[in-house]
Amino acid sequence: MRRKSIHKQILRNQLLLSVITIIMIYLSAYLILYFTMMHNANQRLESNIQFIDNYVDSFFKGYEEKWSIINANQDLRNYIVHSNEISSYEETHLFYTSIEYMFNFSDETSLNINNLTQQVFPPTNTTIPNNLAEHLKNDTTQNIFLSEDSSTLNYALGLYNFTETDLIGSVNFAIPIENFISYFDNKVPTGMTIAIYDHAERIIYTTLTNDLHGYKEYFLTKEKSSEKTGLKIYAVLNTQSELDNLYRFGMLLLPIIIIILLINIFLSYNISAKIVFPIKSLIASIKRAEQGDITYSHPFYDLEEIEDLSQSYDQMINKINHLMEKNHKINLLKVESQLSALQQKIDPHFLFNTLELISSQAVLEDAKSTSVMTQKLGNLFRYNLRAPDTISLGRELKYIKDYLYLQKIRFDHELMFEFNICEDISHYKVPQLTLQPLIENCIKHGFNDLGSEEYRISIKTTKSKNNIYIIVHDNGKGIKPDSLKEINNSIHMDVNNFQYFISRKEHIGLRNVNARLCLQYRIKTALKVYSKVNKGTTIVIKLPEMKDQ
């Protein structure tokens, strides 16, 4: 599979995300503006329809007032109800005169008054359709309609009895269509496009230049039926200018989007370079490490994740260098230890005296003690020759017991020793021969020139918090303050100056033990010596408790 550059991948993904984001923003802005424009246009249409509806109601309001006069006049209502039965000229003449007096129209509007069967005023023999009463009862919103020749706008209203429960007749206002058109020509603002239809879809008034259904592409239409008159009002709005503005806005946004995209390309390249450059630097350092150059100069990076990665790699390189240095030191100590072991595995004087005792004991006894001594000595040889570099503390203490047993016989049983061991830490790992050099120092230097006084060595192990302690104490002659200070200073200086440790000529056993413990457990110092002249010496080993142990 062909590998892909992370730099190109980041740049490509960033550009793709940017293009998608910009397109989404562009479309969102365009759609928001479009729907805002349409919403405002619909509100304008609604406002225009409401405006016309109010004037329609206002136009017919005057005729409703005239109708209410007839409907409220009891004499007129009586005449309408009984007009078929009245034959008196005086009553008929009075009715006609009253109507003409009350309803003297200045224009050409005419008034027709009907009872339920025929026309009452003006006097004719015209018969009223049988369904007129039912029509006025059931549908009061379809009482405005054009005449057959479209010259007159008829407005019919029902007349009722005193209790207004029964229809007794009707009033019809025959309004010249020119009056209606002239009224709205004066009221409708210039530029407002409307149309008014009766319930039969016949045009009463219009400012349209085309048929209503011809307005398609750039026009919005809205319809409303008047609640009072039943006339249908249509409003039409030309959105061409709004759409042109929207188009110009879209064209204006294009260069801005291109500029934003170019800026985003520049920023994306820089961001990806900031991410990729330190990664390439780490890769180059790793390749150098493969060639044996285990060095890394940790620069500071602005990006938190890259900085963490660089720090982790720096810590890993430091750990590798530390492990290499530790391994180098351990190998030097091991070579030195092997050379020392070749020169003398055990102190020749001790070996000579022990073998002499074994020989003497074999003569004086039945050879039982000699057998035990021989076994102990064999254990010591095996431990020195076969034990691994790191062993459990329990096994090291077992070796020390065998070693002290032989030393006790050497000192004619005047050497006493005691163990106070914490069994919970017997499994703890320590380097081989950690305690033997300390015990040897007690015998060699602590009990030298003490005469026949009883010699005593105690070994104690304990655990406190996250540390374990191994304490070796003797009741020997102790160490002078100057010498004690020199010993502890040498141990402290060995930590940071390996060359000083390699060139050591004094206190070799103590410093070897401390160095091996420090290397194994990665601590600065593991051993400290306390002593008072003629009071004895105490050596304290402090080690951290390892979780894997």
Protein backbone atom coordinates (compact mmCIF):
# COMPACT_ATOMS: atom_id res chain seq x y z
CA MET A 1 0.00 0.00 0.00
CA ARG A 2 1.35 3.41 -0.97
CA ARG A 3 2.15 5.57 2.02
CA LYS A 4 0.71 9.08 2.26
CA SER A 5 2.39 12.21 3.57
CA ILE A 6 0.84 13.41 6.83
CA HIS A 7 1.51 16.99 5.71
CA LYS A 8 -0.54 16.50 2.53
CA GLN A 9 -3.23 14.61 4.41
CA ILE A 10 -3.66 17.37 7.00
CA LEU A 11 -3.61 20.07 4.30
CA ARG A 12 -6.12 18.24 2.12
CA ASN A 13 -8.51 17.50 5.00
CA GLN A 14 -8.23 21.05 6.29
CA LEU A 15 -8.98 22.48 2.84
CA LEU A 16 -11.89 20.09 2.33
CA LEU A 17 -13.34 21.05 5.71
CA SER A 18 -12.85 24.75 4.93
CA VAL A 19 -14.54 24.51 1.51
CA ILE A 20 -17.49 22.60 2.97
CA THR A 21 -17.79 25.10 5.84
CA ILE A 22 -17.64 28.12 3.52
CA ILE A 23 -20.21 26.60 1.15
CA MET A 24 -22.51 25.83 4.08
CA ILE A 25 -22.14 29.38 5.42
CA TYR A 26 -22.75 30.82 1.95
CA LEU A 27 -25.84 28.71 1.37
CA SER A 28 -27.12 29.38 4.89
CA ALA A 29 -26.72 33.15 4.45
CA TYR A 30 -28.35 33.00 1.03
CA LEU A 31 -31.29 30.93 2.28
CA ILE A 32 -31.76 33.09 5.37
CA LEU A 33 -31.89 36.22 3.21
CA TYR A 34 -34.21 34.52 0.73
CA PHE A 35 -36.67 33.35 3.37
CA THR A 36 -36.45 36.70 5.15
CA MET A 37 -37.30 38.41 1.85
CA MET A 38 -40.23 36.04 1.27
CA HIS A 39 -41.48 36.56 4.81
CA ASN A 40 -41.37 40.34 4.41
CA ALA A 41 -43.09 40.05 1.02
CA ASN A 42 -45.88 37.94 2.50
CA GLN A 43 -46.32 40.45 5.28
CA ARG A 44 -46.60 43.23 2.70
CA LEU A 45 -49.19 41.19 0.80
CA GLU A 46 -51.14 40.60 4.00
CA SER A 47 -50.95 44.30 4.80
CA ASN A 48 -52.19 45.22 1.29
CA ILE A 49 -55.12 42.79 1.52
CA GLN A 50 -56.09 44.10 4.95
CA PHE A 51 -55.82 47.66 3.61
CA ILE A 52 -58.22 46.91 0.72
CA ASP A 53 -60.55 44.90 2.96
CA ASN A 54 -60.94 47.88 5.27
CA TYR A 55 -61.88 50.16 2.34
CA VAL A 56 -64.32 47.59 0.97
CA ASP A 57 -66.07 47.56 4.35
CA SER A 58 -65.95 51.35 4.44
CA PHE A 59 -67.50 51.62 0.95
CA PHE A 60 -70.52 49.48 1.82
CA LYS A 61 -70.92 50.89 5.31
CA GLY A 62 -72.97 53.89 4.04
CA TYR A 63 -75.43 51.55 2.33
CA GLU A 64 -75.74 49.48 5.50
CA GLU A 65 -76.70 52.67 7.38
CA LYS A 66 -79.49 53.40 4.88
CA TRP A 67 -80.67 49.78 5.18
CA SER A 68 -80.76 50.10 8.98
CA ILE A 69 -83.10 53.13 8.66
CA ILE A 70 -85.65 51.07 6.74
CA ASN A 71 -85.19 48.06 8.98
CA ALA A 72 -85.77 50.21 12.11
CA ASN A 73 -88.89 52.03 10.79
CA GLN A 74 -91.98 50.14 11.99
CA ASP A 75 -94.36 51.90 9.53
CA LEU A 76 -92.17 51.01 6.59
CA ARG A 77 -91.88 47.41 7.77
CA ASN A 78 -95.70 47.18 8.15
CA TYR A 79 -96.23 48.50 4.66
CA ILE A 80 -93.72 46.02 3.19
CA VAL A 81 -95.42 43.11 4.98
CA HIS A 82 -98.98 44.16 3.97
CA SER A 83 -98.19 45.79 0.61
CA ASN A 84 -100.08 43.08 -1.26
CA GLU A 85 -103.24 43.89 0.73
CA ILE A 86 -103.09 47.74 0.60
CA SER A 87 -105.09 49.38 -2.16
CA SER A 88 -105.42 52.88 -0.75
CA TYR A 89 -103.74 55.47 -2.95
CA GLU A 90 -103.00 57.67 0.04
CA GLU A 91 -101.04 55.00 1.91
CA THR A 92 -99.14 53.94 -1.16
CA HIS A 93 -98.30 57.53 -2.11
CA LEU A 94 -97.15 58.26 1.45
CA PHE A 95 -94.84 55.19 1.41
CA TYR A 96 -93.29 56.18 -1.93
CA THR A 97 -92.85 59.79 -0.84
CA SER A 98 -91.16 58.74 2.42
CA ILE A 99 -88.77 56.43 0.63
CA GLU A 100 -87.82 59.04 -1.95
CA TYR A 101 -87.35 61.63 0.78
CA MET A 102 -85.14 59.40 2.95
CA PHE A 103 -83.12 57.92 0.11
CA ASN A 104 -82.29 60.66 -2.30
CA PHE A 105 -79.01 59.46 -3.84
CA SER A 106 -76.73 62.07 -5.38
CA ASP A 107 -75.27 59.53 -7.83
CA GLU A 108 -77.06 57.10 -10.08
CA THR A 109 -77.49 54.48 -7.35
CA SER A 110 -81.02 53.07 -7.32
CA LEU A 111 -82.94 51.40 -4.50
CA ASN A 112 -85.23 48.39 -4.77
CA ILE A 113 -87.40 47.26 -1.84
CA ASN A 114 -89.05 43.82 -1.98
CA ASN A 115 -91.29 41.77 0.19
CA LEU A 116 -91.08 38.00 0.08
CA THR A 117 -92.96 37.71 -3.24
CA GLN A 118 -92.59 40.88 -5.30
CA GLN A 119 -90.90 44.25 -5.66
CA VAL A 120 -92.52 46.95 -3.53
CA PHE A 121 -90.45 50.00 -4.54
CA PRO A 122 -90.28 51.32 -7.13
CA PRO A 123 -93.72 49.95 -8.10
CA THR A 124 -93.47 47.22 -10.70
CA ASN A 125 -94.98 43.82 -11.20
CA THR A 126 -91.57 42.14 -10.86
CA THR A 127 -91.81 38.81 -9.04
CA ILE A 128 -89.11 38.00 -6.49
CA PRO A 129 -87.48 34.55 -6.88
CA ASN A 130 -88.83 32.00 -4.41
CA ASN A 131 -85.37 31.22 -3.05
CA LEU A 132 -84.41 34.83 -2.22
CA ALA A 133 -85.53 34.56 1.40
CA GLU A 134 -83.66 31.31 1.94
CA HIS A 135 -80.63 32.75 0.18
CA LEU A 136 -80.48 35.80 2.44
CA LYS A 137 -81.09 33.64 5.51
CA ASN A 138 -78.43 31.05 4.81
CA ASP A 139 -75.61 33.01 3.16
CA THR A 140 -75.22 36.63 4.15
CA THR A 141 -71.73 36.84 2.61
CA GLN A 142 -72.83 36.32 -1.00
CA ASN A 143 -75.18 39.27 -1.23
CA ILE A 144 -72.92 41.45 -3.44
CA PHE A 145 -72.80 40.56 -7.13
CA LEU A 146 -72.45 42.11 -10.56
CA SER A 147 -75.36 42.50 -12.87
CA GLU A 148 -75.45 40.48 -16.07
CA ASP A 149 -74.08 43.38 -18.13
CA SER A 150 -71.43 44.17 -15.42
CA SER A 151 -72.62 47.76 -15.22
CA THR A 152 -74.18 47.60 -11.78
CA LEU A 153 -72.97 46.26 -8.44
CA ASN A 154 -75.95 44.89 -6.52
CA TYR A 155 -75.92 44.92 -2.73
CA ALA A 156 -78.85 43.00 -1.22
CA LEU A 157 -79.73 43.12 2.52
CA GLY A 158 -82.60 41.39 4.32
CA LEU A 159 -85.41 43.19 6.21
CA TYR A 160 -86.69 41.61 9.44
CA ASN A 161 -89.65 41.93 11.79
CA PHE A 162 -89.58 43.79 15.09
CA THR A 163 -88.01 40.84 16.91
CA GLU A 164 -85.56 40.32 14.06
CA THR A 165 -86.43 36.64 13.89
CA ASP A 166 -88.32 36.47 10.61
CA LEU A 167 -87.31 37.77 7.18
CA ILE A 168 -90.04 40.05 5.77
CA GLY A 169 -88.32 41.36 2.67
CA SER A 170 -85.09 42.74 1.22
CA VAL A 171 -83.39 45.94 0.15
CA ASN A 172 -81.21 45.97 -2.96
CA PHE A 173 -78.84 48.82 -3.74
CA ALA A 174 -77.99 48.94 -7.45
CA ILE A 175 -74.64 50.77 -7.40
CA PRO A 176 -73.08 51.85 -10.70
CA ILE A 177 -69.82 49.99 -11.13
CA GLU A 178 -68.12 53.29 -12.02
CA ASN A 179 -68.76 54.52 -8.46
CA PHE A 180 -66.98 51.51 -7.00
CA ILE A 181 -64.05 51.79 -9.43
CA SER A 182 -63.71 55.53 -8.88
CA TYR A 183 -63.74 55.05 -5.10
CA PHE A 184 -60.87 52.55 -5.18
CA ASP A 185 -58.92 54.47 -7.79
CA ASN A 186 -58.69 57.24 -5.22
CA LYS A 187 -57.82 54.90 -2.34
CA VAL A 188 -55.40 52.36 -3.83
CA PRO A 189 -51.78 53.63 -3.72
CA THR A 190 -49.79 53.73 -6.92
CA GLY A 191 -47.91 50.48 -7.47
CA MET A 192 -50.27 48.33 -5.41
CA THR A 193 -51.54 45.46 -7.54
CA ILE A 194 -54.89 44.07 -6.44
CA ALA A 195 -58.08 42.50 -7.78
CA ILE A 196 -61.57 42.25 -6.26
CA TYR A 197 -63.97 39.47 -7.36
CA ASP A 198 -67.49 38.60 -6.41
CA HIS A 199 -68.42 35.11 -5.25
CA ALA A 200 -68.94 34.03 -8.87
CA GLU A 201 -65.31 34.91 -9.73
CA ARG A 202 -66.32 37.99 -11.79
CA ILE A 203 -63.96 40.93 -11.63
CA ILE A 204 -65.33 43.98 -9.84
CA TYR A 205 -62.15 46.00 -9.63
CA THR A 206 -58.52 45.33 -10.64
CA THR A 207 -55.20 47.04 -11.17
CA LEU A 208 -53.70 43.92 -12.82
CA THR A 209 -52.31 44.18 -16.32
CA ASN A 210 -52.65 40.43 -16.92
CA ASP A 211 -54.92 37.69 -15.78
CA LEU A 212 -54.27 36.72 -12.17
CA HIS A 213 -53.13 33.25 -13.18
CA GLY A 214 -50.52 34.72 -15.51
CA TYR A 215 -48.38 35.93 -12.62
CA LYS A 216 -45.94 33.10 -12.13
CA GLU A 217 -42.18 33.44 -11.94
CA TYR A 218 -41.44 36.70 -10.09
CA PHE A 219 -44.82 37.37 -8.45
CA LEU A 220 -46.35 36.39 -5.13
CA THR A 221 -50.14 36.24 -4.79
CA LYS A 222 -52.37 36.08 -1.76
CA GLU A 223 -56.16 35.69 -1.49
CA LYS A 224 -58.64 36.59 1.21
CA SER A 225 -62.46 36.57 1.39
CA SER A 226 -64.00 39.50 3.22
CA GLU A 227 -65.83 38.33 6.34
CA LYS A 228 -68.58 40.97 5.97
CA THR A 229 -69.15 41.26 2.21
CA GLY A 230 -67.91 37.91 0.90
CA LEU A 231 -65.90 39.61 -1.86
CA LYS A 232 -62.61 37.92 -2.77
CA ILE A 233 -59.55 40.14 -2.59
CA TYR A 234 -56.34 39.18 -4.39
CA ALA A 235 -53.02 40.95 -3.82
CA VAL A 236 -50.03 40.52 -6.13
CA LEU A 237 -46.45 41.54 -5.33
CA ASN A 238 -43.62 41.75 -7.85
CA THR A 239 -40.45 40.28 -6.22
CA GLN A 240 -38.17 40.93 -9.18
CA SER A 241 -36.29 43.74 -7.41
CA GLU A 242 -35.84 41.66 -4.24
CA LEU A 243 -34.54 38.72 -6.25
CA ASP A 244 -32.16 41.03 -8.14
CA ASN A 245 -30.84 42.34 -4.82
CA LEU A 246 -30.40 38.79 -3.58
CA TYR A 247 -28.48 37.90 -6.75
CA ARG A 248 -26.23 40.94 -6.37
CA PHE A 249 -25.61 39.99 -2.74
CA GLY A 250 -24.57 36.49 -3.85
CA MET A 251 -22.19 37.94 -6.46
CA LEU A 252 -20.74 40.29 -3.83
CA LEU A 253 -20.07 37.38 -1.49
CA LEU A 254 -18.12 35.36 -4.09
CA PRO A 255 -14.88 37.44 -4.03
CA ILE A 256 -15.07 37.61 -0.23
CA ILE A 257 -15.37 33.82 -0.10
CA ILE A 258 -12.41 33.44 -2.47
CA ILE A 259 -10.30 35.74 -0.26
CA ILE A 260 -11.33 33.80 2.87
CA LEU A 261 -10.47 30.54 1.11
CA LEU A 262 -7.02 31.81 0.14
CA ILE A 263 -6.37 32.98 3.70
CA ASN A 264 -7.54 29.61 4.96
CA ILE A 265 -5.16 27.82 2.55
CA PHE A 266 -2.28 29.90 3.91
CA LEU A 267 -3.24 29.25 7.55
CA SER A 268 -3.84 25.54 6.88
CA TYR A 269 -0.39 25.20 5.35
CA ASN A 270 1.25 26.91 8.34
CA ILE A 271 -0.72 24.86 10.86
CA SER A 272 0.10 21.57 9.14
CA ALA A 273 3.76 22.64 8.89
CA LYS A 274 3.80 23.37 12.63
CA ILE A 275 2.49 19.87 13.29
CA VAL A 276 4.62 18.04 10.73
CA PHE A 277 7.97 19.78 11.31
CA PRO A 278 8.48 18.56 14.91
CA ILE A 279 7.31 15.09 13.90
CA LYS A 280 9.90 15.03 11.11
CA SER A 281 12.49 16.24 13.62
CA LEU A 282 11.60 13.34 15.93
CA ILE A 283 11.78 10.90 13.02
CA ALA A 284 15.26 12.21 12.10
CA SER A 285 16.35 11.81 15.73
CA ILE A 286 15.00 8.24 15.78
CA LYS A 287 16.93 7.42 12.60
CA ARG A 288 20.09 8.87 14.14
CA ALA A 289 19.46 6.70 17.20
CA GLU A 290 19.24 3.66 14.90
CA GLN A 291 22.73 4.55 13.69
CA GLY A 292 23.99 4.76 17.29
CA ASP A 293 23.71 8.52 17.92
CA ILE A 294 21.69 8.47 21.19
CA THR A 295 21.43 12.25 21.59
CA TYR A 296 18.42 14.54 21.45
CA SER A 297 18.18 18.27 22.04
CA HIS A 298 14.65 18.91 23.30
CA PRO A 299 13.30 22.16 21.78
CA PHE A 300 10.16 23.89 22.99
CA TYR A 301 7.01 23.54 20.86
CA ASP A 302 3.87 25.68 21.06
CA LEU A 303 1.53 22.76 20.45
CA GLU A 304 0.80 20.93 23.70
CA GLU A 305 0.53 17.43 22.20
CA ILE A 306 3.76 17.82 20.19
CA GLU A 307 5.51 19.18 23.27
CA ASP A 308 4.31 16.17 25.28
CA LEU A 309 5.55 13.83 22.54
CA SER A 310 8.92 15.57 22.43
CA GLN A 311 9.24 15.44 26.22
CA SER A 312 8.35 11.74 26.24
CA TYR A 313 10.95 11.02 23.57
CA ASP A 314 13.50 13.11 25.49
CA GLN A 315 12.74 11.12 28.66
CA MET A 316 13.06 7.86 26.72
CA ILE A 317 16.47 8.93 25.31
CA ASN A 318 17.61 9.94 28.82
CA LYS A 319 16.42 6.61 30.17
CA ILE A 320 18.25 4.74 27.40
CA ASN A 321 21.42 6.71 28.12
CA HIS A 322 21.01 6.03 31.83
CA LEU A 323 20.50 2.32 31.20
CA MET A 324 23.54 2.25 28.92
CA GLU A 325 25.60 4.06 31.54
CA LYS A 326 24.26 1.76 34.23
CA ASN A 327 25.05 -1.30 32.13
CA HIS A 328 28.54 0.07 31.50
CA LYS A 329 29.10 0.63 35.21
CA ILE A 330 27.70 -2.79 36.11
CA ASN A 331 30.00 -4.41 33.55
CA LEU A 332 32.99 -2.56 35.00
CA LEU A 333 32.02 -3.59 38.51
CA LYS A 334 31.47 -7.14 37.32
CA VAL A 335 34.90 -7.29 35.64
CA GLU A 336 36.45 -5.82 38.75
CA SER A 337 34.58 -8.30 40.93
CA GLN A 338 35.62 -11.20 38.71
CA LEU A 339 39.26 -10.11 38.84
CA SER A 340 39.02 -9.80 42.60
CA ALA A 341 37.40 -13.22 42.79
CA LEU A 342 40.19 -14.71 40.75
CA GLN A 343 42.73 -13.19 43.07
CA GLN A 344 40.92 -14.30 46.21
CA LYS A 345 37.44 -15.73 46.47
CA ILE A 346 37.57 -15.68 50.26
CA ASP A 347 40.16 -14.12 52.50
CA PRO A 348 43.14 -16.54 52.38
CA HIS A 349 43.79 -16.06 56.10
CA PHE A 350 40.19 -17.01 56.88
CA LEU A 351 40.37 -20.03 54.57
CA PHE A 352 43.67 -21.17 56.14
CA ASN A 353 42.41 -20.87 59.73
CA THR A 354 39.14 -22.60 58.88
CA LEU A 355 40.86 -25.54 57.25
CA GLU A 356 43.22 -25.80 60.26
CA LEU A 357 40.27 -25.87 62.63
CA ILE A 358 38.58 -28.54 60.54
CA SER A 359 41.76 -30.64 60.80
CA SER A 360 42.07 -30.13 64.58
CA GLN A 361 38.41 -30.79 65.15
CA ALA A 362 38.57 -33.99 63.21
CA VAL A 363 41.28 -35.28 65.65
CA LEU A 364 39.53 -34.22 68.85
CA GLU A 365 35.96 -35.22 67.96
CA ASP A 366 34.16 -37.98 66.27
CA ALA A 367 33.97 -35.76 63.12
CA LYS A 368 30.32 -34.57 63.65
CA SER A 369 31.21 -30.90 64.06
CA THR A 370 33.76 -31.27 61.32
CA SER A 371 31.01 -32.45 59.01
CA VAL A 372 28.83 -29.40 59.83
CA MET A 373 31.73 -27.03 59.28
CA THR A 374 32.55 -28.68 56.00
CA GLN A 375 28.92 -28.32 54.87
CA LYS A 376 28.84 -24.64 55.81
CA LEU A 377 32.07 -24.05 53.97
CA GLY A 378 30.72 -25.88 50.93
CA ASN A 379 27.63 -23.64 51.02
CA LEU A 380 29.86 -20.58 50.99
CA PHE A 381 31.84 -21.80 48.00
CA ARG A 382 28.69 -22.69 46.09
CA TYR A 383 27.10 -19.33 46.90
CA ASN A 384 30.15 -17.47 45.63
CA LEU A 385 30.45 -19.51 42.48
CA ARG A 386 26.82 -20.22 41.46
CA ALA A 387 24.50 -17.61 42.92
CA PRO A 388 22.95 -15.12 40.37
CA ASP A 389 23.79 -11.44 40.49
CA THR A 390 20.48 -10.63 42.19
CA ILE A 391 18.99 -12.85 44.91
CA SER A 392 16.34 -12.66 47.60
CA LEU A 393 17.18 -11.05 50.91
CA GLY A 394 16.27 -14.32 52.66
CA ARG A 395 18.92 -16.25 50.73
CA GLU A 396 21.54 -13.57 51.41
CA LEU A 397 20.78 -13.81 55.14
CA LYS A 398 21.10 -17.62 55.01
CA TYR A 399 24.54 -17.22 53.47
CA ILE A 400 25.50 -14.73 56.22
CA LYS A 401 24.40 -17.22 58.90
CA ASP A 402 26.72 -19.87 57.44
CA TYR A 403 29.49 -17.30 57.17
CA LEU A 404 29.06 -16.16 60.81
CA TYR A 405 28.88 -19.79 62.01
CA LEU A 406 32.38 -20.41 60.66
CA GLN A 407 33.61 -17.07 62.02
CA LYS A 408 32.19 -17.92 65.44
CA ILE A 409 34.23 -21.17 65.49
CA ARG A 410 37.26 -19.19 64.38
CA PHE A 411 36.86 -16.84 67.39
CA ASP A 412 36.48 -19.87 69.71
CA HIS A 413 32.79 -19.17 70.21
CA GLU A 414 33.48 -15.66 71.55
CA LEU A 415 31.71 -14.11 68.52
CA MET A 416 27.97 -13.75 69.20
CA PHE A 417 25.42 -12.80 66.56
CA GLU A 418 21.68 -12.27 66.49
CA PHE A 419 19.10 -11.83 63.74
CA ASN A 420 15.88 -9.79 63.95
CA ILE A 421 14.29 -10.45 60.59
CA CYS A 422 11.01 -9.13 59.11
CA GLU A 423 9.69 -12.07 57.09
CA ASP A 424 7.49 -9.81 54.95
CA ILE A 425 10.54 -8.56 53.08
CA SER A 426 12.52 -11.81 52.82
CA HIS A 427 11.58 -12.02 49.14
CA TYR A 428 13.03 -8.57 48.42
CA LYS A 429 15.79 -8.67 45.76
CA VAL A 430 19.30 -7.45 46.56
CA PRO A 431 22.65 -7.87 44.78
CA GLN A 432 24.69 -10.94 45.67
CA LEU A 433 27.17 -10.45 48.55
CA THR A 434 25.47 -7.27 49.79
CA LEU A 435 25.95 -8.05 53.51
CA GLN A 436 29.15 -10.16 53.51
CA PRO A 437 31.52 -7.19 52.96
CA LEU A 438 29.82 -5.33 55.83
CA ILE A 439 30.16 -8.30 58.21
CA GLU A 440 33.76 -8.75 57.12
CA ASN A 441 34.47 -5.07 57.95
CA CYS A 442 32.95 -5.56 61.42
CA ILE A 443 35.27 -8.50 62.12
CA LYS A 444 38.37 -7.06 60.46
CA HIS A 445 38.22 -3.50 61.72
CA GLY A 446 35.71 -3.48 64.56
CA PHE A 447 37.02 -6.41 66.62
CA ASN A 448 40.72 -5.89 65.97
CA ASP A 449 42.79 -5.39 69.15
CA LEU A 450 39.83 -5.76 71.55
CA GLY A 451 41.36 -8.51 73.65
CA SER A 452 39.13 -11.21 75.05
CA GLU A 453 35.93 -9.13 75.28
CA GLU A 454 32.82 -10.80 73.84
CA TYR A 455 32.23 -9.82 70.23
CA ARG A 456 28.62 -9.19 69.11
CA ILE A 457 27.06 -8.58 65.70
CA SER A 458 23.33 -7.97 65.14
CA ILE A 459 21.46 -7.89 61.85
CA LYS A 460 17.98 -6.40 61.67
CA THR A 461 15.56 -5.95 58.77
CA THR A 462 12.42 -3.81 58.96
CA LYS A 463 9.88 -2.07 56.81
CA SER A 464 8.58 1.51 57.18
CA LYS A 465 6.16 3.22 54.80
CA ASN A 466 7.59 2.70 51.29
CA ASN A 467 11.13 1.76 52.35
CA ILE A 468 12.91 -1.26 53.81
CA TYR A 469 15.89 -1.05 56.12
CA ILE A 470 18.79 -3.46 56.70
CA ILE A 471 20.75 -2.55 59.83
CA VAL A 472 24.10 -4.13 60.72
CA HIS A 473 25.52 -3.29 64.16
CA ASP A 474 28.65 -4.39 66.01
CA ASN A 475 30.02 -3.58 69.46
CA GLY A 476 33.55 -3.09 68.17
CA LYS A 477 35.96 -0.25 68.75
CA GLY A 478 34.10 2.14 66.43
CA ILE A 479 35.42 4.69 63.93
CA LYS A 480 37.07 8.01 64.62
CA PRO A 481 34.98 11.06 63.62
CA ASP A 482 37.36 12.18 60.87
CA SER A 483 37.49 8.72 59.35
CA LEU A 484 33.69 8.36 59.64
CA LYS A 485 33.18 11.68 57.83
CA GLU A 486 35.62 10.64 55.11
CA ILE A 487 33.76 7.32 54.60
CA ASN A 488 30.32 8.96 54.27
CA ASN A 489 31.69 11.71 51.99
CA SER A 490 33.29 9.09 49.72
CA ILE A 491 29.99 7.23 49.50
CA HIS A 492 28.18 10.49 48.65
CA MET A 493 30.72 11.57 46.02
CA ASP A 494 30.54 8.21 44.24
CA VAL A 495 26.97 9.02 43.14
CA ASN A 496 27.81 11.89 40.75
CA ASN A 497 31.44 11.07 39.90
CA PHE A 498 31.88 7.60 38.48
CA GLN A 499 35.54 8.24 37.69
CA TYR A 500 36.11 9.04 41.36
CA PHE A 501 34.48 5.72 42.23
CA ILE A 502 36.57 3.75 39.70
CA SER A 503 39.80 5.19 41.07
CA ARG A 504 38.93 4.37 44.70
CA LYS A 505 41.66 2.92 46.91
CA GLU A 506 39.97 3.00 50.33
CA HIS A 507 36.73 1.67 51.78
CA ILE A 508 36.32 -0.46 48.69
CA GLY A 509 33.85 -2.96 50.22
CA LEU A 510 31.42 -0.36 51.56
CA ARG A 511 31.54 1.73 48.39
CA ASN A 512 31.08 -1.33 46.18
CA VAL A 513 27.95 -2.35 48.08
CA ASN A 514 26.54 1.21 47.90
CA ALA A 515 27.31 1.55 44.17
CA ARG A 516 25.67 -1.75 43.25
CA LEU A 517 22.53 -0.93 45.25
CA CYS A 518 22.29 2.58 43.72
CA LEU A 519 22.65 1.23 40.20
CA GLN A 520 20.06 -1.48 40.71
CA TYR A 521 17.44 0.70 42.38
CA ARG A 522 18.25 4.03 40.73
CA ILE A 523 18.73 5.93 43.96
CA LYS A 524 21.41 8.44 44.90
CA THR A 525 22.66 6.70 48.03
CA ALA A 526 21.73 3.48 49.78
CA LEU A 527 24.17 3.19 52.64
CA LYS A 528 25.16 5.33 55.60
CA VAL A 529 27.61 4.64 58.43
CA TYR A 530 27.09 5.69 62.06
CA SER A 531 29.80 5.12 64.71
CA LYS A 532 31.18 6.21 68.04
CA VAL A 533 34.62 5.35 69.35
CA ASN A 534 34.51 2.34 71.74
CA LYS A 535 30.70 2.17 71.27
CA GLY A 536 30.55 0.26 68.02
CA THR A 537 29.44 0.90 64.47
CA THR A 538 26.04 0.79 62.75
CA ILE A 539 25.57 0.54 58.99
CA VAL A 540 22.08 1.36 57.70
CA ILE A 541 20.94 0.33 54.21
CA LYS A 542 17.77 2.12 53.00
CA LEU A 543 16.08 0.81 49.86
CA PRO A 544 12.79 1.78 48.19
CA GLU A 545 10.06 -0.83 48.12
CA MET A 546 9.61 -1.88 44.50
CA LYS A 547 6.04 -2.59 43.34
CA ASP A 548 7.12 -5.55 41.22
CA GLN A 549 8.55 -7.22 44.32
